[in-house]
Amino acid sequence: MDPKHKPVFIAFSSQKGGVGKSTFTSLVASIMHYRMGYNVAVFDADFPQHSLMKMKSRDLAMVMENENLKRMAYKQFTAIGKKAYPIMQHKAEYLLEAAHKWISESNIPIDVLFFDLPGTVNTSGILRTLAGMHHIFTPITADRMVMESTLIFTQLLQNVIMEKGETSIKSVNLFWNQVDGRENTALYEVYNKLIGQLGLNLMKSQVKKSSKFRKESELDSKNVFRSTLLPPDERLMRACQLDIFIEEFLEIIQL
């Protein structure tokens, strides 16, 4: 691999489970790899769940059983001539060394390497791994427990890792996920003000609430949302404003 070609390291990371870090890892990786022409790879270090490894196995089985998805996958492969992006399982400890070794041995120049990390800073090696990221994206929801743990976690990243240690981090970005239009907008305003007062970066785009974030593809599905083998349907992306999020995401990472 060309040593001048250095991939961007990105983690969707949070101290709180269930806010969508594994989901966003797969969504953004699939959009970039299958629709936008970038070469991506994923390291799944979220022990013990390893959600992305399990998702890929389910996706492969689903494509084999669903004729519509099988046709979509074949059409995609013939159109872009690319295989599915690789997902590797590894522990958080020595993850950066494993990632750099894998990149150096890859026959394909990788543009973006995504990391799905454990949801606790107590995991061995996690702080060092976070310090090796270029960009960190943290989904948040309007829930007191989520906000408290996230703000503490984000301040740790900015005040301890970025300011006091050797780090590759260029940006830490909070973004609203699962936004319900019926929720109290005043609550969001309070949180937005607090985030600003703490000097943290909040993305402008908000991802709207959708059942598609929780559902795996149904066996008789004609449209795909969450998949490691196919990009999300563009109409479904627009419905939850994921398309707007992707635009801002690409502006931040500046490939």
Protein backbone atom coordinates (compact mmCIF):
# COMPACT_ATOMS: atom_id res chain seq x y z
CA MET A 1 0.00 0.00 0.00
CA ASP A 2 1.16 3.57 -0.79
CA PRO A 3 2.63 4.96 2.47
CA LYS A 4 1.48 8.47 1.46
CA HIS A 5 -2.14 7.31 1.42
CA LYS A 6 -3.18 7.63 5.06
CA PRO A 7 -6.74 6.66 5.97
CA VAL A 8 -8.89 8.69 8.31
CA PHE A 9 -9.65 6.96 11.64
CA ILE A 10 -13.22 7.53 12.83
CA ALA A 11 -15.10 6.26 15.88
CA PHE A 12 -18.77 6.57 16.74
CA SER A 13 -18.23 6.45 20.47
CA SER A 14 -20.37 6.86 23.58
CA GLN A 15 -20.35 5.93 27.26
CA LYS A 16 -24.03 5.02 27.04
CA GLY A 17 -25.38 1.93 25.33
CA GLY A 18 -28.35 1.99 23.00
CA VAL A 19 -27.76 5.46 21.52
CA GLY A 20 -26.79 4.13 18.08
CA LYS A 21 -23.00 3.98 17.77
CA SER A 22 -22.91 0.55 16.09
CA THR A 23 -25.89 1.46 13.90
CA PHE A 24 -24.24 4.68 12.69
CA THR A 25 -20.95 2.89 12.08
CA SER A 26 -22.67 0.47 9.69
CA LEU A 27 -24.88 3.13 8.07
CA VAL A 28 -22.08 5.60 7.33
CA ALA A 29 -19.62 2.88 6.28
CA SER A 30 -22.18 1.43 3.84
CA ILE A 31 -23.06 4.83 2.36
CA MET A 32 -19.41 5.76 1.83
CA HIS A 33 -18.28 2.37 0.51
CA TYR A 34 -21.20 1.41 -1.73
CA ARG A 35 -22.62 4.75 -2.81
CA MET A 36 -19.81 7.32 -2.66
CA GLY A 37 -16.87 5.35 -4.00
CA TYR A 38 -14.67 5.41 -0.91
CA ASN A 39 -12.89 2.30 0.34
CA VAL A 40 -13.72 1.66 3.97
CA ALA A 41 -13.05 -1.00 6.58
CA VAL A 42 -14.35 -1.55 10.09
CA PHE A 43 -12.78 -2.81 13.31
CA ASP A 44 -15.36 -4.19 15.73
CA ALA A 45 -13.84 -3.91 19.21
CA ASP A 46 -17.14 -3.68 21.09
CA PHE A 47 -16.54 -6.67 23.36
CA PRO A 48 -18.48 -8.79 24.24
CA GLN A 49 -21.41 -7.88 21.94
CA HIS A 50 -19.45 -7.49 18.68
CA SER A 51 -22.69 -6.22 17.13
CA LEU A 52 -21.22 -5.51 13.69
CA MET A 53 -19.74 -8.99 13.28
CA LYS A 54 -23.15 -10.44 14.13
CA MET A 55 -24.90 -7.97 11.83
CA LYS A 56 -22.73 -8.98 8.88
CA SER A 57 -23.54 -12.68 9.44
CA ARG A 58 -27.27 -11.85 9.56
CA ASP A 59 -26.99 -9.69 6.45
CA LEU A 60 -25.27 -12.45 4.48
CA ALA A 61 -27.97 -14.95 5.48
CA MET A 62 -30.70 -12.42 4.63
CA VAL A 63 -29.33 -11.77 1.13
CA MET A 64 -29.12 -15.49 0.42
CA GLU A 65 -32.77 -15.99 1.45
CA ASN A 66 -34.31 -12.86 -0.07
CA GLU A 67 -34.46 -12.82 -3.90
CA ASN A 68 -34.98 -9.06 -4.02
CA LEU A 69 -31.94 -8.38 -1.82
CA LYS A 70 -29.93 -10.92 -3.81
CA ARG A 71 -30.69 -9.03 -7.03
CA MET A 72 -29.84 -5.72 -5.37
CA ALA A 73 -26.49 -7.08 -4.12
CA TYR A 74 -25.64 -8.52 -7.56
CA LYS A 75 -26.59 -5.26 -9.31
CA GLN A 76 -24.50 -3.29 -6.86
CA PHE A 77 -21.46 -5.52 -7.27
CA THR A 78 -21.58 -5.36 -11.08
CA ALA A 79 -22.09 -1.56 -11.00
CA ILE A 80 -19.26 -0.64 -8.61
CA GLY A 81 -17.07 -3.75 -8.90
CA LYS A 82 -16.35 -3.77 -5.18
CA LYS A 83 -16.70 -6.44 -2.55
CA ALA A 84 -18.32 -5.81 0.82
CA TYR A 85 -16.14 -3.83 3.17
CA PRO A 86 -14.23 -5.98 5.66
CA ILE A 87 -15.20 -6.09 9.34
CA MET A 88 -12.47 -7.32 11.70
CA GLN A 89 -12.92 -8.33 15.32
CA HIS A 90 -10.32 -7.19 17.85
CA LYS A 91 -9.98 -6.20 21.50
CA ALA A 92 -9.57 -2.51 22.33
CA GLU A 93 -6.10 -3.18 23.71
CA TYR A 94 -3.43 -2.85 20.99
CA LEU A 95 -6.19 -2.04 18.50
CA LEU A 96 -4.22 0.82 16.88
CA GLU A 97 -1.24 -1.49 16.24
CA ALA A 98 -3.55 -4.08 14.68
CA ALA A 99 -5.21 -1.42 12.51
CA HIS A 100 -1.92 0.00 11.23
CA LYS A 101 -0.61 -3.51 10.50
CA TRP A 102 -3.78 -4.40 8.60
CA ILE A 103 -3.60 -1.17 6.55
CA SER A 104 0.04 -1.78 5.63
CA GLU A 105 -0.85 -5.27 4.35
CA SER A 106 -4.01 -4.25 2.47
CA ASN A 107 -3.88 -4.49 -1.32
CA ILE A 108 -6.54 -1.77 -1.56
CA PRO A 109 -5.84 1.79 -0.39
CA ILE A 110 -8.27 2.45 2.47
CA ASP A 111 -9.83 5.91 2.75
CA VAL A 112 -11.65 5.54 6.07
CA LEU A 113 -11.23 3.10 8.92
CA PHE A 114 -14.20 2.97 11.31
CA PHE A 115 -13.89 1.72 14.88
CA ASP A 116 -16.79 0.41 16.94
CA LEU A 117 -15.48 0.72 20.50
CA PRO A 118 -16.61 -0.51 23.94
CA GLY A 119 -18.98 1.77 25.83
CA THR A 120 -16.75 2.29 28.85
CA VAL A 121 -13.46 4.11 29.40
CA ASN A 122 -12.56 1.44 31.99
CA THR A 123 -11.81 -1.01 29.17
CA SER A 124 -8.09 -1.72 28.90
CA GLY A 125 -6.50 0.34 26.11
CA ILE A 126 -9.63 2.35 25.27
CA LEU A 127 -8.28 5.82 26.12
CA ARG A 128 -5.15 5.20 24.06
CA THR A 129 -7.29 3.96 21.16
CA LEU A 130 -9.56 7.02 21.38
CA ALA A 131 -6.46 9.25 21.33
CA GLY A 132 -5.49 7.59 18.03
CA MET A 133 -8.73 8.59 16.28
CA HIS A 134 -8.88 11.57 13.92
CA HIS A 135 -12.58 12.26 14.45
CA ILE A 136 -15.02 11.07 17.13
CA PHE A 137 -18.79 11.29 16.69
CA THR A 138 -21.07 10.81 19.67
CA PRO A 139 -24.84 10.31 19.27
CA ILE A 140 -26.96 11.83 22.05
CA THR A 141 -30.63 11.62 22.98
CA ALA A 142 -32.74 13.94 25.14
CA ASP A 143 -32.45 11.71 28.19
CA ARG A 144 -30.89 12.89 31.46
CA MET A 145 -28.81 9.74 32.02
CA VAL A 146 -27.54 9.77 28.43
CA MET A 147 -26.68 13.47 28.61
CA GLU A 148 -24.87 13.23 31.97
CA SER A 149 -22.65 10.33 30.95
CA THR A 150 -22.04 11.79 27.46
CA LEU A 151 -21.05 15.25 28.68
CA ILE A 152 -18.64 13.77 31.25
CA PHE A 153 -17.18 11.49 28.55
CA THR A 154 -16.83 14.30 25.99
CA GLN A 155 -15.21 16.65 28.49
CA LEU A 156 -12.75 13.85 29.34
CA LEU A 157 -11.86 13.57 25.65
CA GLN A 158 -11.38 17.30 25.21
CA ASN A 159 -9.83 18.27 28.53
CA VAL A 160 -7.69 15.24 29.28
CA ILE A 161 -6.83 13.51 26.02
CA MET A 162 -6.81 16.41 23.53
CA GLU A 163 -5.22 19.06 25.75
CA LYS A 164 -2.81 17.05 27.90
CA GLY A 165 -1.81 14.00 25.94
CA GLU A 166 -0.35 13.13 22.56
CA THR A 167 -3.32 12.69 20.31
CA SER A 168 -4.45 12.48 16.70
CA ILE A 169 -7.92 13.83 17.48
CA LYS A 170 -8.98 16.72 15.24
CA SER A 171 -12.62 16.91 16.29
CA VAL A 172 -15.13 15.54 18.79
CA ASN A 173 -18.70 15.98 17.56
CA LEU A 174 -21.96 15.48 19.43
CA PHE A 175 -25.12 15.02 17.37
CA TRP A 176 -28.79 14.58 18.19
CA ASN A 177 -30.19 11.15 17.33
CA GLN A 178 -33.72 9.72 17.64
CA VAL A 179 -35.21 13.23 17.62
CA ASP A 180 -39.00 13.07 17.96
CA GLY A 181 -40.83 16.11 16.58
CA ARG A 182 -43.42 15.74 19.35
CA GLU A 183 -40.82 16.11 22.11
CA ASN A 184 -40.44 19.27 24.13
CA THR A 185 -38.29 21.63 22.03
CA ALA A 186 -37.50 23.68 25.16
CA LEU A 187 -35.64 20.64 26.54
CA TYR A 188 -33.40 20.56 23.46
CA GLU A 189 -32.78 24.29 23.82
CA VAL A 190 -31.64 23.80 27.43
CA TYR A 191 -29.27 20.99 26.45
CA ASN A 192 -27.97 22.92 23.41
CA LYS A 193 -27.18 25.89 25.65
CA LEU A 194 -25.40 23.64 28.17
CA ILE A 195 -23.34 21.98 25.42
CA GLY A 196 -22.32 25.45 24.18
CA GLN A 197 -21.40 26.63 27.68
CA LEU A 198 -19.16 23.59 28.12
CA GLY A 199 -17.36 24.49 24.89
CA LEU A 200 -18.36 21.24 23.17
CA ASN A 201 -19.08 20.89 19.46
CA LEU A 202 -22.66 20.08 18.46
CA MET A 203 -23.47 19.24 14.83
CA LYS A 204 -26.26 21.26 13.21
CA SER A 205 -27.98 18.25 11.65
CA GLN A 206 -30.38 16.15 13.73
CA VAL A 207 -31.31 12.57 12.91
CA LYS A 208 -35.03 11.99 13.32
CA LYS A 209 -36.57 9.09 15.19
CA SER A 210 -37.38 6.05 13.04
CA SER A 211 -38.27 2.44 13.72
CA LYS A 212 -35.82 1.54 10.93
CA PHE A 213 -32.91 2.22 13.29
CA ARG A 214 -34.04 -0.62 15.55
CA LYS A 215 -35.26 -3.13 12.98
CA GLU A 216 -33.07 -5.51 11.10
CA SER A 217 -34.12 -5.99 7.48
CA GLU A 218 -37.29 -8.04 7.24
CA LEU A 219 -37.12 -11.24 5.24
CA ASP A 220 -39.61 -9.94 2.64
CA SER A 221 -38.13 -6.44 2.59
CA LYS A 222 -37.86 -4.47 -0.66
CA ASN A 223 -36.03 -1.53 0.90
CA VAL A 224 -32.84 -1.72 2.94
CA PHE A 225 -31.88 0.57 5.80
CA ARG A 226 -29.45 -1.08 8.22
CA SER A 227 -27.08 -3.35 6.32
CA THR A 228 -23.36 -4.01 6.05
CA LEU A 229 -23.81 -5.23 2.46
CA LEU A 230 -26.03 -2.54 0.92
CA PRO A 231 -26.42 1.22 1.46
CA PRO A 232 -29.63 2.53 3.07
CA ASP A 233 -32.50 3.36 0.73
CA GLU A 234 -32.29 7.06 -0.20
CA ARG A 235 -35.97 7.72 0.56
CA LEU A 236 -35.56 6.24 4.03
CA MET A 237 -32.45 8.38 4.51
CA ARG A 238 -34.36 11.54 3.64
CA ALA A 239 -37.25 10.56 5.92
CA CYS A 240 -35.00 10.64 9.00
CA GLN A 241 -32.67 13.36 7.62
CA LEU A 242 -29.71 11.01 7.54
CA ASP A 243 -28.81 12.54 4.15
CA ILE A 244 -28.29 15.96 5.81
CA PHE A 245 -26.21 14.35 8.56
CA ILE A 246 -23.95 12.68 5.94
CA GLU A 247 -23.31 16.03 4.21
CA GLU A 248 -22.19 17.63 7.47
CA PHE A 249 -20.19 14.52 8.42
CA LEU A 250 -18.21 14.72 5.15
CA GLU A 251 -17.57 18.44 5.68
CA ILE A 252 -16.08 17.68 9.11
CA ILE A 253 -13.77 14.83 8.10
CA GLN A 254 -12.60 16.64 4.92
CA LEU A 255 -11.49 13.69 2.84
